[in-house]
Amino acid sequence: MENLKTIDPSKGKLTINGIPISGFGDNTIEIEYDEDSYNLKTGTDGHSTRVKNLNSNGKATVTLMQSSASNDVLNLMANKDRVDNNGVGAFLFTDLSGRTVAAAPQCYIVKKAKYGMGKEAKENPWVLQLINLQLDVGGNN
């Protein structure tokens, strides 16, 4: 019986609009849906009804090192969106050390990363809106 599993952050592969993203910070990526799958309403007599929420959009926070060339890719995408509303592309994250996959046919930059300079290297968190997210969270090898 195998009790020990390994998560290898270097095996997380992200592409945005077909372009590989690299140079990740400590918190490589976080992906989640915007809303709960169901909304529950319980009446005063205890009867409950759940309503399926069809919003499948989500957000991803991608954290890059300040020195990563992928900052340029995301910055260009955000600038293009501001100028001509054409900074939208596909999103695909795959954990090659496990079975987690997140895909969205469209994504865009919600807000550019905060910039800072100082005595130590910084990390740039980029927040992306994911349209029609399909998030399959699996275990690891």
N, C-alpha and C. Protein backbone atom coordinates (compact mmCIF):
# COMPACT_ATOMS: atom_id res chain seq x y z
N MET A 1 0.84 -1.17 0.00
CA MET A 1 0.00 0.00 0.00
C MET A 1 0.88 1.24 0.00
N GLU A 2 0.59 2.14 -0.92
CA GLU A 2 1.34 3.39 -1.00
C GLU A 2 0.66 4.46 -0.15
N ASN A 3 1.37 4.96 0.86
CA ASN A 3 0.80 5.98 1.73
C ASN A 3 1.31 7.38 1.40
N LEU A 4 2.44 7.47 0.74
CA LEU A 4 3.05 8.77 0.47
C LEU A 4 2.79 9.20 -0.96
N LYS A 5 2.21 10.38 -1.12
CA LYS A 5 1.96 10.97 -2.43
C LYS A 5 2.79 12.25 -2.54
N THR A 6 3.10 12.65 -3.75
CA THR A 6 3.94 13.82 -3.97
C THR A 6 3.22 14.83 -4.84
N ILE A 7 3.24 16.08 -4.38
CA ILE A 7 2.77 17.20 -5.17
C ILE A 7 4.01 17.96 -5.64
N ASP A 8 4.14 18.12 -6.94
CA ASP A 8 5.31 18.79 -7.50
C ASP A 8 4.86 20.05 -8.22
N PRO A 9 4.99 21.23 -7.58
CA PRO A 9 4.54 22.47 -8.21
C PRO A 9 5.15 22.74 -9.58
N SER A 10 6.33 22.19 -9.84
CA SER A 10 6.96 22.41 -11.15
C SER A 10 6.22 21.65 -12.26
N LYS A 11 5.33 20.76 -11.89
CA LYS A 11 4.56 19.98 -12.87
C LYS A 11 3.22 20.64 -13.22
N GLY A 12 2.93 21.80 -12.63
CA GLY A 12 1.73 22.54 -12.99
C GLY A 12 1.98 23.30 -14.27
N LYS A 13 1.20 23.03 -15.29
CA LYS A 13 1.38 23.66 -16.60
C LYS A 13 0.19 24.55 -16.91
N LEU A 14 0.48 25.82 -17.22
CA LEU A 14 -0.57 26.79 -17.52
C LEU A 14 -0.32 27.41 -18.88
N THR A 15 -1.37 27.46 -19.69
CA THR A 15 -1.33 28.20 -20.94
C THR A 15 -2.51 29.17 -20.97
N ILE A 16 -2.25 30.36 -21.47
CA ILE A 16 -3.29 31.35 -21.66
C ILE A 16 -3.22 31.80 -23.11
N ASN A 17 -4.31 31.59 -23.80
CA ASN A 17 -4.38 31.87 -25.23
C ASN A 17 -3.29 31.11 -26.00
N GLY A 18 -3.00 29.90 -25.52
CA GLY A 18 -2.01 29.02 -26.16
C GLY A 18 -0.57 29.33 -25.81
N ILE A 19 -0.34 30.35 -24.98
CA ILE A 19 1.02 30.75 -24.62
C ILE A 19 1.37 30.17 -23.26
N PRO A 20 2.47 29.42 -23.16
CA PRO A 20 2.88 28.87 -21.85
C PRO A 20 3.25 29.99 -20.88
N ILE A 21 2.76 29.87 -19.65
CA ILE A 21 3.05 30.83 -18.59
C ILE A 21 4.02 30.16 -17.62
N SER A 22 5.07 30.88 -17.22
CA SER A 22 6.08 30.31 -16.32
C SER A 22 6.64 31.40 -15.42
N GLY A 23 7.51 30.99 -14.50
CA GLY A 23 8.12 31.93 -13.57
C GLY A 23 7.23 32.21 -12.38
N PHE A 24 6.64 31.14 -11.83
CA PHE A 24 5.65 31.27 -10.76
C PHE A 24 6.29 31.61 -9.42
N GLY A 25 5.49 32.27 -8.56
CA GLY A 25 5.88 32.58 -7.19
C GLY A 25 5.53 31.44 -6.27
N ASP A 26 5.57 31.72 -4.97
CA ASP A 26 5.30 30.68 -3.96
C ASP A 26 3.91 30.08 -4.09
N ASN A 27 2.89 30.90 -4.27
CA ASN A 27 1.52 30.42 -4.48
C ASN A 27 1.25 30.44 -5.97
N THR A 28 1.62 29.37 -6.63
CA THR A 28 1.57 29.30 -8.09
C THR A 28 0.23 29.73 -8.65
N ILE A 29 -0.84 29.04 -8.22
CA ILE A 29 -2.16 29.30 -8.81
C ILE A 29 -3.24 28.89 -7.82
N GLU A 30 -4.32 29.65 -7.83
CA GLU A 30 -5.54 29.31 -7.10
C GLU A 30 -6.70 29.50 -8.06
N ILE A 31 -7.59 28.50 -8.13
CA ILE A 31 -8.72 28.53 -9.06
C ILE A 31 -9.98 28.19 -8.29
N GLU A 32 -11.04 28.96 -8.52
CA GLU A 32 -12.30 28.66 -7.84
C GLU A 32 -13.47 29.20 -8.65
N TYR A 33 -14.65 28.61 -8.41
CA TYR A 33 -15.87 29.11 -9.02
C TYR A 33 -16.30 30.39 -8.32
N ASP A 34 -17.01 31.26 -9.05
CA ASP A 34 -17.48 32.52 -8.49
C ASP A 34 -18.59 32.31 -7.46
N GLU A 35 -19.43 31.31 -7.67
CA GLU A 35 -20.60 31.12 -6.82
C GLU A 35 -20.78 29.65 -6.48
N ASP A 36 -21.59 29.41 -5.45
CA ASP A 36 -21.95 28.04 -5.08
C ASP A 36 -22.75 27.39 -6.19
N SER A 37 -22.72 26.05 -6.26
CA SER A 37 -23.45 25.31 -7.29
C SER A 37 -24.96 25.35 -7.07
N TYR A 38 -25.37 25.44 -5.83
CA TYR A 38 -26.79 25.49 -5.48
C TYR A 38 -27.02 26.57 -4.43
N ASN A 39 -28.21 27.18 -4.47
CA ASN A 39 -28.66 28.10 -3.44
C ASN A 39 -29.79 27.43 -2.68
N LEU A 40 -29.75 27.51 -1.37
CA LEU A 40 -30.74 26.85 -0.53
C LEU A 40 -31.63 27.87 0.16
N LYS A 41 -32.94 27.60 0.12
CA LYS A 41 -33.92 28.43 0.83
C LYS A 41 -34.73 27.52 1.73
N THR A 42 -34.74 27.84 3.02
CA THR A 42 -35.50 27.06 4.00
C THR A 42 -36.57 27.94 4.60
N GLY A 43 -37.81 27.47 4.55
CA GLY A 43 -38.94 28.22 5.10
C GLY A 43 -39.04 28.09 6.61
N THR A 44 -39.97 28.83 7.19
CA THR A 44 -40.13 28.83 8.65
C THR A 44 -40.61 27.48 9.18
N ASP A 45 -41.23 26.67 8.31
CA ASP A 45 -41.68 25.35 8.76
C ASP A 45 -40.65 24.26 8.51
N GLY A 46 -39.46 24.65 8.04
CA GLY A 46 -38.37 23.68 7.86
C GLY A 46 -38.27 23.06 6.48
N HIS A 47 -39.22 23.33 5.61
CA HIS A 47 -39.13 22.81 4.24
C HIS A 47 -38.05 23.58 3.48
N SER A 48 -37.25 22.85 2.74
CA SER A 48 -36.14 23.46 2.02
C SER A 48 -36.25 23.21 0.53
N THR A 49 -35.76 24.16 -0.22
CA THR A 49 -35.68 24.05 -1.67
C THR A 49 -34.30 24.51 -2.09
N ARG A 50 -33.69 23.74 -2.96
CA ARG A 50 -32.42 24.19 -3.52
C ARG A 50 -32.63 24.55 -4.98
N VAL A 51 -31.92 25.58 -5.40
CA VAL A 51 -32.02 26.06 -6.77
C VAL A 51 -30.64 25.94 -7.40
N LYS A 52 -30.58 25.26 -8.54
CA LYS A 52 -29.32 25.08 -9.24
C LYS A 52 -28.86 26.42 -9.81
N ASN A 53 -27.61 26.74 -9.56
CA ASN A 53 -27.01 27.97 -10.07
C ASN A 53 -26.26 27.64 -11.35
N LEU A 54 -26.66 28.23 -12.44
CA LEU A 54 -26.05 27.92 -13.74
C LEU A 54 -24.81 28.75 -14.05
N ASN A 55 -24.38 29.58 -13.11
CA ASN A 55 -23.17 30.37 -13.31
C ASN A 55 -21.96 29.46 -13.14
N SER A 56 -21.28 29.18 -14.22
CA SER A 56 -20.09 28.32 -14.16
C SER A 56 -18.80 29.12 -14.33
N ASN A 57 -18.89 30.43 -14.17
CA ASN A 57 -17.70 31.27 -14.28
C ASN A 57 -16.87 31.17 -13.00
N GLY A 58 -15.61 31.50 -13.12
CA GLY A 58 -14.72 31.43 -11.96
C GLY A 58 -13.59 32.43 -12.08
N LYS A 59 -12.70 32.34 -11.12
CA LYS A 59 -11.52 33.20 -11.13
C LYS A 59 -10.28 32.36 -10.86
N ALA A 60 -9.18 32.83 -11.42
CA ALA A 60 -7.87 32.23 -11.14
C ALA A 60 -6.94 33.36 -10.71
N THR A 61 -6.19 33.10 -9.66
CA THR A 61 -5.13 34.02 -9.26
C THR A 61 -3.82 33.33 -9.60
N VAL A 62 -3.09 33.91 -10.52
CA VAL A 62 -1.81 33.38 -10.99
C VAL A 62 -0.72 34.28 -10.41
N THR A 63 0.16 33.70 -9.61
CA THR A 63 1.21 34.49 -8.95
C THR A 63 2.54 34.25 -9.65
N LEU A 64 3.09 35.31 -10.21
CA LEU A 64 4.35 35.23 -10.93
C LEU A 64 5.44 35.97 -10.16
N MET A 65 6.66 35.51 -10.31
CA MET A 65 7.79 36.25 -9.76
C MET A 65 7.91 37.57 -10.53
N GLN A 66 8.40 38.57 -9.85
CA GLN A 66 8.55 39.90 -10.45
C GLN A 66 9.38 39.85 -11.73
N SER A 67 10.33 38.94 -11.79
CA SER A 67 11.24 38.85 -12.93
C SER A 67 10.73 37.97 -14.07
N SER A 68 9.57 37.34 -13.92
CA SER A 68 9.05 36.43 -14.93
C SER A 68 8.67 37.17 -16.21
N ALA A 69 9.11 36.63 -17.34
CA ALA A 69 8.74 37.19 -18.64
C ALA A 69 7.25 37.03 -18.92
N SER A 70 6.58 36.12 -18.20
CA SER A 70 5.14 35.93 -18.39
C SER A 70 4.34 37.14 -17.90
N ASN A 71 4.93 37.99 -17.05
CA ASN A 71 4.28 39.25 -16.70
C ASN A 71 4.02 40.08 -17.96
N ASP A 72 4.97 40.04 -18.89
CA ASP A 72 4.83 40.79 -20.14
C ASP A 72 3.65 40.26 -20.96
N VAL A 73 3.48 38.95 -20.96
CA VAL A 73 2.39 38.32 -21.71
C VAL A 73 1.04 38.77 -21.14
N LEU A 74 0.90 38.70 -19.82
CA LEU A 74 -0.37 39.08 -19.19
C LEU A 74 -0.61 40.59 -19.28
N ASN A 75 0.45 41.37 -19.17
CA ASN A 75 0.33 42.82 -19.31
C ASN A 75 -0.14 43.20 -20.71
N LEU A 76 0.42 42.55 -21.73
CA LEU A 76 0.02 42.81 -23.11
C LEU A 76 -1.45 42.44 -23.32
N MET A 77 -1.86 41.32 -22.74
CA MET A 77 -3.25 40.88 -22.85
C MET A 77 -4.19 41.91 -22.21
N ALA A 78 -3.82 42.42 -21.03
CA ALA A 78 -4.63 43.42 -20.34
C ALA A 78 -4.68 44.73 -21.14
N ASN A 79 -3.54 45.14 -21.68
CA ASN A 79 -3.50 46.37 -22.48
C ASN A 79 -4.36 46.25 -23.73
N LYS A 80 -4.26 45.11 -24.39
CA LYS A 80 -5.04 44.87 -25.61
C LYS A 80 -6.53 44.94 -25.30
N ASP A 81 -6.92 44.40 -24.16
CA ASP A 81 -8.33 44.42 -23.78
C ASP A 81 -8.81 45.85 -23.54
N ARG A 82 -7.96 46.66 -22.92
CA ARG A 82 -8.32 48.06 -22.65
C ARG A 82 -8.47 48.86 -23.95
N VAL A 83 -7.62 48.58 -24.91
CA VAL A 83 -7.61 49.36 -26.16
C VAL A 83 -8.74 48.95 -27.10
N ASP A 84 -8.89 47.64 -27.35
CA ASP A 84 -9.86 47.21 -28.37
C ASP A 84 -10.77 46.06 -27.93
N ASN A 85 -10.85 45.82 -26.61
CA ASN A 85 -11.72 44.76 -26.08
C ASN A 85 -11.38 43.39 -26.66
N ASN A 86 -10.12 43.19 -26.99
CA ASN A 86 -9.73 41.93 -27.63
C ASN A 86 -8.62 41.23 -26.84
N GLY A 87 -8.64 41.37 -25.52
CA GLY A 87 -7.64 40.69 -24.69
C GLY A 87 -8.22 39.46 -24.03
N VAL A 88 -8.92 38.67 -24.80
CA VAL A 88 -9.59 37.47 -24.30
C VAL A 88 -8.94 36.25 -24.94
N GLY A 89 -8.71 35.21 -24.15
CA GLY A 89 -8.12 33.99 -24.69
C GLY A 89 -8.49 32.78 -23.85
N ALA A 90 -8.15 31.62 -24.33
CA ALA A 90 -8.45 30.37 -23.63
C ALA A 90 -7.50 30.18 -22.45
N PHE A 91 -7.96 29.45 -21.44
CA PHE A 91 -7.22 29.17 -20.21
C PHE A 91 -7.16 27.66 -20.02
N LEU A 92 -5.95 27.14 -19.75
CA LEU A 92 -5.81 25.71 -19.48
C LEU A 92 -4.72 25.50 -18.44
N PHE A 93 -5.10 24.88 -17.33
CA PHE A 93 -4.15 24.49 -16.30
C PHE A 93 -4.24 22.98 -16.12
N THR A 94 -3.07 22.32 -16.10
CA THR A 94 -3.00 20.88 -15.90
C THR A 94 -1.93 20.57 -14.86
N ASP A 95 -2.29 19.77 -13.86
CA ASP A 95 -1.33 19.31 -12.86
C ASP A 95 -0.79 17.97 -13.33
N LEU A 96 0.41 17.96 -13.88
CA LEU A 96 0.99 16.73 -14.42
C LEU A 96 1.49 15.78 -13.34
N SER A 97 1.50 16.24 -12.07
CA SER A 97 1.85 15.33 -10.97
C SER A 97 0.58 14.76 -10.34
N GLY A 98 -0.55 15.04 -10.96
CA GLY A 98 -1.82 14.55 -10.44
C GLY A 98 -2.88 14.53 -11.52
N ARG A 99 -4.12 14.74 -11.11
CA ARG A 99 -5.25 14.62 -12.03
C ARG A 99 -6.14 15.86 -12.06
N THR A 100 -5.64 17.00 -11.62
CA THR A 100 -6.42 18.22 -11.64
C THR A 100 -6.26 18.94 -12.97
N VAL A 101 -7.40 19.36 -13.53
CA VAL A 101 -7.41 20.11 -14.79
C VAL A 101 -8.45 21.22 -14.66
N ALA A 102 -8.08 22.41 -15.11
CA ALA A 102 -9.02 23.54 -15.17
C ALA A 102 -8.95 24.13 -16.56
N ALA A 103 -10.12 24.29 -17.18
CA ALA A 103 -10.17 24.83 -18.54
C ALA A 103 -11.32 25.81 -18.66
N ALA A 104 -11.07 26.87 -19.42
CA ALA A 104 -12.11 27.84 -19.74
C ALA A 104 -11.87 28.30 -21.17
N PRO A 105 -12.92 28.29 -22.00
CA PRO A 105 -12.73 28.71 -23.39
C PRO A 105 -12.37 30.19 -23.53
N GLN A 106 -12.72 30.98 -22.50
CA GLN A 106 -12.40 32.40 -22.53
C GLN A 106 -11.95 32.86 -21.15
N CYS A 107 -10.96 33.74 -21.13
CA CYS A 107 -10.55 34.38 -19.89
C CYS A 107 -10.02 35.77 -20.23
N TYR A 108 -10.03 36.62 -19.21
CA TYR A 108 -9.46 37.95 -19.38
C TYR A 108 -8.91 38.42 -18.04
N ILE A 109 -8.03 39.40 -18.09
CA ILE A 109 -7.41 39.96 -16.89
C ILE A 109 -8.42 40.87 -16.22
N VAL A 110 -8.74 40.58 -14.97
CA VAL A 110 -9.67 41.43 -14.21
C VAL A 110 -8.98 42.72 -13.79
N LYS A 111 -7.75 42.58 -13.32
CA LYS A 111 -6.99 43.73 -12.83
C LYS A 111 -5.51 43.39 -12.95
N LYS A 112 -4.74 44.37 -13.42
CA LYS A 112 -3.30 44.16 -13.52
C LYS A 112 -2.71 43.92 -12.14
N ALA A 113 -1.60 43.20 -12.13
CA ALA A 113 -0.90 42.91 -10.88
C ALA A 113 -0.39 44.20 -10.25
N LYS A 114 -0.36 44.19 -8.92
CA LYS A 114 0.22 45.31 -8.17
C LYS A 114 1.74 45.24 -8.33
N TYR A 115 2.36 46.40 -8.51
CA TYR A 115 3.82 46.44 -8.69
C TYR A 115 4.48 47.00 -7.45
N GLY A 116 5.63 46.44 -7.12
CA GLY A 116 6.43 46.95 -6.02
C GLY A 116 7.90 46.67 -6.26
N MET A 117 8.76 47.49 -5.67
CA MET A 117 10.19 47.28 -5.78
C MET A 117 10.80 47.55 -4.41
N GLY A 118 11.73 46.72 -4.03
CA GLY A 118 12.34 46.90 -2.72
C GLY A 118 13.57 46.04 -2.56
N LYS A 119 13.88 45.76 -1.33
CA LYS A 119 15.08 45.03 -0.96
C LYS A 119 15.02 43.55 -1.38
N GLU A 120 13.81 43.03 -1.49
CA GLU A 120 13.63 41.62 -1.87
C GLU A 120 12.77 41.53 -3.12
N ALA A 121 12.92 40.42 -3.83
CA ALA A 121 12.11 40.18 -5.02
C ALA A 121 10.64 40.07 -4.62
N LYS A 122 9.78 40.62 -5.43
CA LYS A 122 8.34 40.61 -5.17
C LYS A 122 7.66 39.54 -6.03
N GLU A 123 6.39 39.32 -5.71
CA GLU A 123 5.54 38.44 -6.50
C GLU A 123 4.39 39.27 -7.06
N ASN A 124 3.97 38.96 -8.26
CA ASN A 124 2.89 39.67 -8.91
C ASN A 124 1.68 38.76 -9.05
N PRO A 125 0.62 39.00 -8.26
CA PRO A 125 -0.60 38.20 -8.42
C PRO A 125 -1.51 38.81 -9.49
N TRP A 126 -1.83 38.02 -10.51
CA TRP A 126 -2.73 38.42 -11.58
C TRP A 126 -4.06 37.70 -11.37
N VAL A 127 -5.16 38.43 -11.46
CA VAL A 127 -6.49 37.82 -11.31
C VAL A 127 -7.15 37.77 -12.68
N LEU A 128 -7.57 36.56 -13.04
CA LEU A 128 -8.22 36.35 -14.33
C LEU A 128 -9.65 35.88 -14.12
N GLN A 129 -10.55 36.42 -14.92
CA GLN A 129 -11.94 35.94 -14.94
C GLN A 129 -12.01 34.80 -15.93
N LEU A 130 -12.59 33.68 -15.52
CA LEU A 130 -12.70 32.49 -16.36
C LEU A 130 -14.16 32.28 -16.74
N ILE A 131 -14.44 32.25 -18.02
CA ILE A 131 -15.80 32.09 -18.51
C ILE A 131 -16.06 30.62 -18.81
N ASN A 132 -17.17 30.10 -18.28
CA ASN A 132 -17.54 28.69 -18.45
C ASN A 132 -16.42 27.75 -17.98
N LEU A 133 -15.98 27.98 -16.77
CA LEU A 133 -14.91 27.18 -16.17
C LEU A 133 -15.34 25.73 -15.99
N GLN A 134 -14.46 24.82 -16.34
CA GLN A 134 -14.60 23.40 -16.03
C GLN A 134 -13.43 23.05 -15.13
N LEU A 135 -13.70 22.86 -13.84
CA LEU A 135 -12.65 22.58 -12.85
C LEU A 135 -12.82 21.16 -12.35
N ASP A 136 -11.85 20.32 -12.63
CA ASP A 136 -11.83 18.94 -12.16
C ASP A 136 -10.66 18.80 -11.19
N VAL A 137 -11.00 18.75 -9.90
CA VAL A 137 -9.98 18.64 -8.85
C VAL A 137 -9.75 17.17 -8.57
N GLY A 138 -8.52 16.73 -8.81
CA GLY A 138 -8.16 15.33 -8.58
C GLY A 138 -7.04 15.19 -7.56
N GLY A 139 -6.69 13.97 -7.28
CA GLY A 139 -5.61 13.68 -6.37
C GLY A 139 -4.26 13.75 -7.08
N ASN A 140 -3.23 13.31 -6.35
CA ASN A 140 -1.88 13.33 -6.93
C ASN A 140 -1.29 11.93 -6.96
N ASN A 141 -0.29 11.77 -7.80
CA ASN A 141 0.38 10.47 -7.97
C ASN A 141 1.31 10.16 -6.83
